[in-house]
Amino acid sequence: MNDKLPPQIADLIAPLWVWLLALIGATVGFFEDMKPDDTHSVKFFKFVAKCSSSALAALLTYHALIALHVSQDYWVILVGISGHMGTEALKAFGDFWKSRVK
């Protein structure tokens, strides 16, 4: 008999703290980029873009830390930084791979 329980879907994707850090980082990034002349729809789409890019960056960082066997002492710090700098990190990562392909 298998005593090991199957993993929960939340454990496969990421724990809740990763999502919360990404949301906090996205909110801070949104307020940094907000302009007074932005309309409500522009603000909404900017916030959605910040949230999605921050979530993706935080998830990629979380799974990279697990794969690289980085000490758990650094996980919150590195995931928080990547959640805050999600858009810029993904842009830099894309530019890096574009230069490697050329």
Protein backbone atom coordinates (compact mmCIF):
# COMPACT_ATOMS: atom_id res chain seq x y z
CA MET A 1 0.00 0.00 0.00
CA ASN A 2 1.27 3.48 -0.87
CA ASP A 3 1.52 5.62 2.29
CA LYS A 4 2.47 8.70 0.32
CA LEU A 5 -0.40 11.10 -0.31
CA PRO A 6 -0.79 12.56 -3.79
CA PRO A 7 0.37 16.16 -4.04
CA GLN A 8 -2.25 18.87 -4.00
CA ILE A 9 -2.57 21.00 -7.12
CA ALA A 10 -1.52 24.08 -5.11
CA ASP A 11 1.70 22.30 -4.11
CA LEU A 12 2.47 21.52 -7.76
CA ILE A 13 1.97 25.10 -8.92
CA ALA A 14 3.25 27.05 -5.90
CA PRO A 15 2.30 27.70 -2.29
CA LEU A 16 0.11 30.67 -1.39
CA TRP A 17 3.00 32.83 -0.17
CA VAL A 18 4.46 32.90 -3.70
CA TRP A 19 1.20 34.28 -5.08
CA LEU A 20 0.91 36.83 -2.29
CA LEU A 21 4.44 38.11 -2.82
CA ALA A 22 3.82 38.37 -6.55
CA LEU A 23 0.61 40.35 -5.93
CA ILE A 24 2.34 42.71 -3.51
CA GLY A 25 5.23 43.20 -5.94
CA ALA A 26 2.81 43.81 -8.82
CA THR A 27 0.89 46.37 -6.79
CA VAL A 28 4.05 48.27 -5.92
CA GLY A 29 5.23 48.15 -9.54
CA PHE A 30 1.82 49.36 -10.70
CA PHE A 31 1.90 52.39 -8.41
CA GLU A 32 5.44 53.19 -9.53
CA ASP A 33 4.38 53.24 -13.21
CA MET A 34 1.01 54.92 -12.77
CA LYS A 35 0.61 58.26 -14.53
CA PRO A 36 -1.94 60.93 -13.56
CA ASP A 37 -3.37 61.11 -17.08
CA ASP A 38 -4.09 57.35 -17.34
CA THR A 39 -7.76 56.50 -17.79
CA HIS A 40 -9.48 53.89 -15.65
CA SER A 41 -9.32 51.28 -18.41
CA VAL A 42 -5.60 51.91 -18.96
CA LYS A 43 -4.98 51.60 -15.22
CA PHE A 44 -6.94 48.34 -15.15
CA PHE A 45 -4.98 46.82 -18.04
CA LYS A 46 -1.67 48.00 -16.58
CA PHE A 47 -2.57 46.36 -13.26
CA VAL A 48 -3.56 43.09 -14.96
CA ALA A 49 -0.33 43.12 -16.97
CA LYS A 50 1.76 43.78 -13.86
CA CYS A 51 -0.03 41.01 -11.93
CA SER A 52 0.43 38.43 -14.67
CA SER A 53 4.06 39.22 -15.36
CA SER A 54 4.87 39.33 -11.64
CA ALA A 55 3.10 36.02 -11.06
CA LEU A 56 4.98 34.38 -13.92
CA ALA A 57 8.32 35.73 -12.74
CA ALA A 58 7.63 34.62 -9.15
CA LEU A 59 6.60 31.12 -10.28
CA LEU A 60 9.64 30.74 -12.51
CA THR A 61 11.89 31.88 -9.67
CA TYR A 62 10.21 29.57 -7.15
CA HIS A 63 10.62 26.50 -9.37
CA ALA A 64 14.17 27.48 -10.35
CA LEU A 65 15.14 27.73 -6.68
CA ILE A 66 13.74 24.27 -6.06
CA ALA A 67 15.53 22.84 -9.11
CA LEU A 68 18.83 24.48 -8.17
CA HIS A 69 18.59 23.28 -4.54
CA VAL A 70 18.99 26.80 -3.18
CA SER A 71 18.62 27.04 0.59
CA GLN A 72 15.07 27.84 1.70
CA ASP A 73 16.46 30.76 3.69
CA TYR A 74 16.71 32.72 0.43
CA TRP A 75 13.41 31.70 -1.19
CA VAL A 76 11.19 34.49 0.17
CA ILE A 77 13.76 37.17 -0.62
CA LEU A 78 14.40 36.03 -4.19
CA VAL A 79 10.75 35.32 -5.00
CA GLY A 80 9.80 38.74 -3.59
CA ILE A 81 12.39 40.49 -5.72
CA SER A 82 11.34 38.63 -8.84
CA GLY A 83 7.67 39.34 -8.10
CA HIS A 84 8.38 43.03 -7.83
CA MET A 85 10.63 43.16 -10.87
CA GLY A 86 8.51 40.74 -12.92
CA THR A 87 8.04 42.82 -16.03
CA GLU A 88 11.63 44.00 -16.15
CA ALA A 89 13.00 40.53 -15.40
CA LEU A 90 10.98 38.89 -18.15
CA LYS A 91 11.99 41.63 -20.60
CA ALA A 92 15.67 41.20 -19.71
CA PHE A 93 15.38 37.41 -19.95
CA GLY A 94 13.76 37.73 -23.39
CA ASP A 95 16.50 40.10 -24.57
CA PHE A 96 19.13 37.67 -23.30
CA TRP A 97 17.65 34.77 -25.26
CA LYS A 98 17.22 36.92 -28.38
CA SER A 99 20.92 37.77 -28.26
CA ARG A 100 21.82 34.09 -27.81
CA VAL A 101 19.72 33.04 -30.80
CA LYS A 102 21.28 35.60 -33.17
